[in-house]
């Protein structure tokens, strides 16, 4: 689960497309280690920072989904995003 205050998101507040913007931002955070460090050998990665990305990208992933919940604290300024994938 990715938990960040809404102030860290690009679309602060609650614009009409806030959900899409927040999920896209979270997906960018998840994939950013791969973009930054690279994945040179797709069958054997040697950098622990790539662990979560490599497990899905190199597995037999058939499905992927994310859950989204806004206003998760008393100040109503947190968004929780949880993404899962299947492994065969």
N, C-alpha and C. Protein backbone atom coordinates (compact mmCIF):
# COMPACT_ATOMS: atom_id res chain seq x y z
N UNK A 1 0.85 -1.17 0.00
CA UNK A 1 0.00 0.00 0.00
C UNK A 1 0.89 1.23 0.00
N UNK A 2 0.54 2.18 -0.81
CA UNK A 2 1.25 3.45 -0.87
C UNK A 2 0.42 4.47 -0.11
N UNK A 3 1.01 5.13 0.87
CA UNK A 3 0.28 6.09 1.69
C UNK A 3 1.06 7.40 1.68
N UNK A 4 0.51 8.41 1.03
CA UNK A 4 1.15 9.72 0.96
C UNK A 4 0.13 10.80 1.27
N UNK A 5 0.55 11.86 1.96
CA UNK A 5 -0.36 12.99 2.17
C UNK A 5 -0.72 13.61 0.82
N UNK A 6 -1.94 14.09 0.68
CA UNK A 6 -2.36 14.66 -0.60
C UNK A 6 -1.52 15.86 -0.99
N UNK A 7 -0.88 16.52 -0.04
CA UNK A 7 -0.01 17.66 -0.37
C UNK A 7 1.16 17.24 -1.25
N UNK A 8 1.56 15.96 -1.20
CA UNK A 8 2.67 15.47 -2.03
C UNK A 8 2.24 15.17 -3.45
N UNK A 9 0.94 15.06 -3.69
CA UNK A 9 0.45 14.73 -5.02
C UNK A 9 0.44 15.96 -5.91
N UNK A 10 0.57 15.77 -7.22
CA UNK A 10 0.56 16.90 -8.14
C UNK A 10 -0.75 17.67 -8.12
N UNK A 11 -1.86 16.98 -7.98
CA UNK A 11 -3.16 17.65 -7.99
C UNK A 11 -3.67 17.80 -6.57
N UNK A 12 -3.14 18.80 -5.86
CA UNK A 12 -3.57 19.03 -4.48
C UNK A 12 -5.03 19.44 -4.49
N UNK A 13 -5.71 19.14 -3.41
CA UNK A 13 -7.12 19.43 -3.36
C UNK A 13 -7.91 18.28 -3.95
N UNK A 14 -9.05 18.60 -4.53
CA UNK A 14 -9.91 17.55 -5.06
C UNK A 14 -10.47 17.94 -6.42
N UNK A 15 -9.61 18.12 -7.44
CA UNK A 15 -10.12 18.46 -8.77
C UNK A 15 -10.93 17.30 -9.35
N UNK A 16 -11.68 17.52 -10.42
CA UNK A 16 -12.52 16.46 -10.98
C UNK A 16 -11.76 15.18 -11.33
N UNK A 17 -10.53 15.28 -11.75
CA UNK A 17 -9.76 14.09 -12.14
C UNK A 17 -8.73 13.70 -11.09
N UNK A 18 -8.97 14.03 -9.83
CA UNK A 18 -7.99 13.77 -8.77
C UNK A 18 -7.66 12.29 -8.65
N UNK A 19 -8.66 11.43 -8.75
CA UNK A 19 -8.42 9.99 -8.60
C UNK A 19 -7.45 9.50 -9.67
N UNK A 20 -7.69 9.85 -10.93
CA UNK A 20 -6.79 9.43 -12.01
C UNK A 20 -5.39 9.97 -11.79
N UNK A 21 -5.29 11.23 -11.42
CA UNK A 21 -3.98 11.86 -11.20
C UNK A 21 -3.24 11.17 -10.07
N UNK A 22 -3.93 10.87 -8.98
CA UNK A 22 -3.30 10.23 -7.82
C UNK A 22 -2.82 8.83 -8.16
N UNK A 23 -3.64 8.05 -8.87
CA UNK A 23 -3.24 6.69 -9.22
C UNK A 23 -2.06 6.72 -10.20
N UNK A 24 -2.10 7.62 -11.18
CA UNK A 24 -0.98 7.74 -12.12
C UNK A 24 0.31 8.12 -11.39
N UNK A 25 0.21 9.01 -10.41
CA UNK A 25 1.37 9.42 -9.63
C UNK A 25 1.92 8.23 -8.84
N UNK A 26 1.03 7.45 -8.21
CA UNK A 26 1.46 6.28 -7.44
C UNK A 26 2.12 5.24 -8.35
N UNK A 27 1.56 5.03 -9.53
CA UNK A 27 2.17 4.09 -10.47
C UNK A 27 3.55 4.57 -10.91
N UNK A 28 3.70 5.87 -11.06
CA UNK A 28 5.01 6.43 -11.40
C UNK A 28 6.04 6.18 -10.32
N UNK A 29 5.62 6.31 -9.06
CA UNK A 29 6.52 6.04 -7.94
C UNK A 29 6.93 4.56 -7.95
N UNK A 30 5.98 3.68 -8.22
CA UNK A 30 6.26 2.25 -8.24
C UNK A 30 7.25 1.89 -9.35
N UNK A 31 7.10 2.49 -10.52
CA UNK A 31 7.95 2.15 -11.66
C UNK A 31 9.24 2.96 -11.71
N UNK A 32 9.34 4.02 -10.92
CA UNK A 32 10.51 4.91 -11.02
C UNK A 32 11.85 4.23 -10.72
N UNK A 33 11.96 3.27 -9.80
CA UNK A 33 13.27 2.62 -9.62
C UNK A 33 13.76 1.93 -10.89
N UNK A 34 12.83 1.33 -11.63
CA UNK A 34 13.22 0.66 -12.87
C UNK A 34 13.72 1.68 -13.88
N UNK A 35 13.04 2.81 -13.98
CA UNK A 35 13.48 3.85 -14.93
C UNK A 35 14.82 4.44 -14.50
N UNK A 36 15.02 4.62 -13.19
CA UNK A 36 16.24 5.27 -12.70
C UNK A 36 17.44 4.32 -12.72
N UNK A 37 17.26 3.11 -12.18
CA UNK A 37 18.37 2.16 -12.05
C UNK A 37 18.49 1.23 -13.25
N UNK A 38 17.41 1.06 -13.98
CA UNK A 38 17.42 0.18 -15.14
C UNK A 38 17.30 -1.28 -14.74
N UNK A 39 16.90 -2.08 -15.66
CA UNK A 39 16.77 -3.52 -15.46
C UNK A 39 17.51 -4.17 -16.61
N UNK A 40 18.79 -4.40 -16.40
CA UNK A 40 19.67 -4.85 -17.49
C UNK A 40 19.44 -6.31 -17.87
N UNK A 41 19.24 -7.15 -16.89
CA UNK A 41 19.07 -8.57 -17.15
C UNK A 41 17.68 -8.98 -16.66
N UNK A 42 16.77 -9.21 -17.57
CA UNK A 42 15.39 -9.47 -17.18
C UNK A 42 15.18 -10.80 -16.47
N UNK A 43 16.13 -11.71 -16.54
CA UNK A 43 15.96 -12.99 -15.86
C UNK A 43 16.63 -13.04 -14.49
N UNK A 44 17.50 -12.08 -14.20
CA UNK A 44 18.20 -12.09 -12.92
C UNK A 44 18.57 -10.65 -12.54
N UNK A 45 17.72 -10.02 -11.75
CA UNK A 45 18.02 -8.66 -11.33
C UNK A 45 18.84 -8.70 -10.04
N UNK A 46 19.73 -7.75 -9.87
CA UNK A 46 20.63 -7.78 -8.71
C UNK A 46 20.53 -6.52 -7.85
N UNK A 47 19.44 -5.81 -7.95
CA UNK A 47 19.27 -4.59 -7.18
C UNK A 47 17.97 -4.69 -6.40
N UNK A 48 18.05 -4.70 -5.06
CA UNK A 48 16.86 -4.85 -4.22
C UNK A 48 15.85 -3.73 -4.42
N UNK A 49 16.29 -2.59 -4.91
CA UNK A 49 15.35 -1.49 -5.14
C UNK A 49 14.40 -1.80 -6.29
N UNK A 50 14.71 -2.82 -7.08
CA UNK A 50 13.85 -3.21 -8.20
C UNK A 50 12.93 -4.37 -7.85
N UNK A 51 12.96 -4.83 -6.61
CA UNK A 51 12.26 -6.05 -6.21
C UNK A 51 10.78 -6.05 -6.58
N UNK A 52 10.03 -5.01 -6.15
CA UNK A 52 8.59 -5.02 -6.39
C UNK A 52 8.26 -4.91 -7.87
N UNK A 53 9.00 -4.09 -8.59
CA UNK A 53 8.75 -3.97 -10.02
C UNK A 53 9.10 -5.26 -10.75
N UNK A 54 10.27 -5.82 -10.45
CA UNK A 54 10.74 -7.01 -11.16
C UNK A 54 9.83 -8.21 -10.92
N UNK A 55 9.28 -8.35 -9.72
CA UNK A 55 8.39 -9.48 -9.43
C UNK A 55 7.19 -9.48 -10.36
N UNK A 56 6.61 -8.32 -10.60
CA UNK A 56 5.45 -8.28 -11.48
C UNK A 56 5.87 -8.32 -12.95
N UNK A 57 6.85 -7.55 -13.32
CA UNK A 57 7.25 -7.45 -14.73
C UNK A 57 7.79 -8.76 -15.27
N UNK A 58 8.47 -9.54 -14.43
CA UNK A 58 9.08 -10.78 -14.90
C UNK A 58 8.28 -12.02 -14.55
N UNK A 59 7.20 -11.83 -13.82
CA UNK A 59 6.35 -12.97 -13.49
C UNK A 59 5.34 -13.23 -14.59
N UNK A 60 4.51 -14.20 -14.37
CA UNK A 60 3.46 -14.52 -15.34
C UNK A 60 2.19 -13.77 -14.93
N UNK A 61 2.28 -12.47 -14.98
CA UNK A 61 1.19 -11.62 -14.54
C UNK A 61 0.11 -11.54 -15.61
N UNK A 62 -1.11 -11.87 -15.23
CA UNK A 62 -2.24 -11.79 -16.15
C UNK A 62 -3.22 -10.69 -15.77
N UNK A 63 -3.25 -10.34 -14.48
CA UNK A 63 -4.20 -9.33 -14.01
C UNK A 63 -3.53 -8.36 -13.07
N UNK A 64 -4.03 -7.15 -13.07
CA UNK A 64 -3.48 -6.09 -12.24
C UNK A 64 -4.63 -5.16 -11.87
N UNK A 65 -4.70 -4.76 -10.61
CA UNK A 65 -5.78 -3.86 -10.18
C UNK A 65 -5.31 -3.00 -9.03
N UNK A 66 -5.92 -1.84 -8.92
CA UNK A 66 -5.60 -0.91 -7.82
C UNK A 66 -6.89 -0.51 -7.11
N UNK A 67 -6.79 -0.37 -5.79
CA UNK A 67 -7.87 0.17 -4.98
C UNK A 67 -7.50 1.58 -4.55
N UNK A 68 -8.50 2.43 -4.38
CA UNK A 68 -8.27 3.84 -4.09
C UNK A 68 -9.24 4.29 -3.02
N UNK A 69 -8.73 4.98 -2.00
CA UNK A 69 -9.58 5.53 -0.94
C UNK A 69 -9.04 6.89 -0.55
N UNK A 70 -9.86 7.92 -0.64
CA UNK A 70 -9.43 9.26 -0.24
C UNK A 70 -10.04 9.62 1.11
N UNK A 71 -9.48 10.66 1.74
CA UNK A 71 -9.98 11.11 3.03
C UNK A 71 -9.80 10.07 4.11
N UNK A 72 -8.61 9.54 4.25
CA UNK A 72 -8.37 8.40 5.14
C UNK A 72 -7.90 8.78 6.54
N UNK A 73 -7.95 10.02 6.88
CA UNK A 73 -7.56 10.43 8.23
C UNK A 73 -8.48 11.55 8.69
N UNK A 74 -8.44 11.92 9.97
CA UNK A 74 -9.34 12.96 10.47
C UNK A 74 -9.20 14.30 9.74
N UNK A 75 -8.02 14.61 9.25
CA UNK A 75 -7.83 15.87 8.52
C UNK A 75 -8.31 15.77 7.07
N UNK A 76 -8.70 14.59 6.65
CA UNK A 76 -9.21 14.35 5.30
C UNK A 76 -8.19 14.73 4.22
N UNK A 77 -6.91 14.48 4.49
CA UNK A 77 -5.88 14.89 3.53
C UNK A 77 -4.94 13.75 3.14
N UNK A 78 -5.40 12.51 3.27
CA UNK A 78 -4.59 11.37 2.84
C UNK A 78 -5.35 10.54 1.84
N UNK A 79 -4.60 9.94 0.94
CA UNK A 79 -5.14 9.01 -0.04
C UNK A 79 -4.39 7.70 0.13
N UNK A 80 -5.11 6.59 0.15
CA UNK A 80 -4.49 5.26 0.21
C UNK A 80 -4.71 4.58 -1.14
N UNK A 81 -3.64 4.05 -1.70
CA UNK A 81 -3.71 3.33 -2.96
C UNK A 81 -3.03 1.98 -2.77
N UNK A 82 -3.72 0.92 -3.12
CA UNK A 82 -3.17 -0.43 -2.99
C UNK A 82 -3.34 -1.14 -4.32
N UNK A 83 -2.24 -1.64 -4.87
CA UNK A 83 -2.29 -2.35 -6.15
C UNK A 83 -1.84 -3.79 -5.95
N UNK A 84 -2.52 -4.69 -6.61
CA UNK A 84 -2.18 -6.11 -6.51
C UNK A 84 -2.10 -6.71 -7.91
N UNK A 85 -1.41 -7.82 -8.01
CA UNK A 85 -1.32 -8.56 -9.26
C UNK A 85 -1.30 -10.04 -8.93
N UNK A 86 -1.65 -10.85 -9.90
CA UNK A 86 -1.66 -12.29 -9.66
C UNK A 86 -0.34 -12.91 -10.09
N UNK A 87 0.02 -13.96 -9.44
CA UNK A 87 1.17 -14.77 -9.83
C UNK A 87 0.68 -16.18 -10.11
N UNK A 88 1.20 -16.78 -11.12
CA UNK A 88 0.79 -18.15 -11.44
C UNK A 88 1.90 -19.09 -11.04
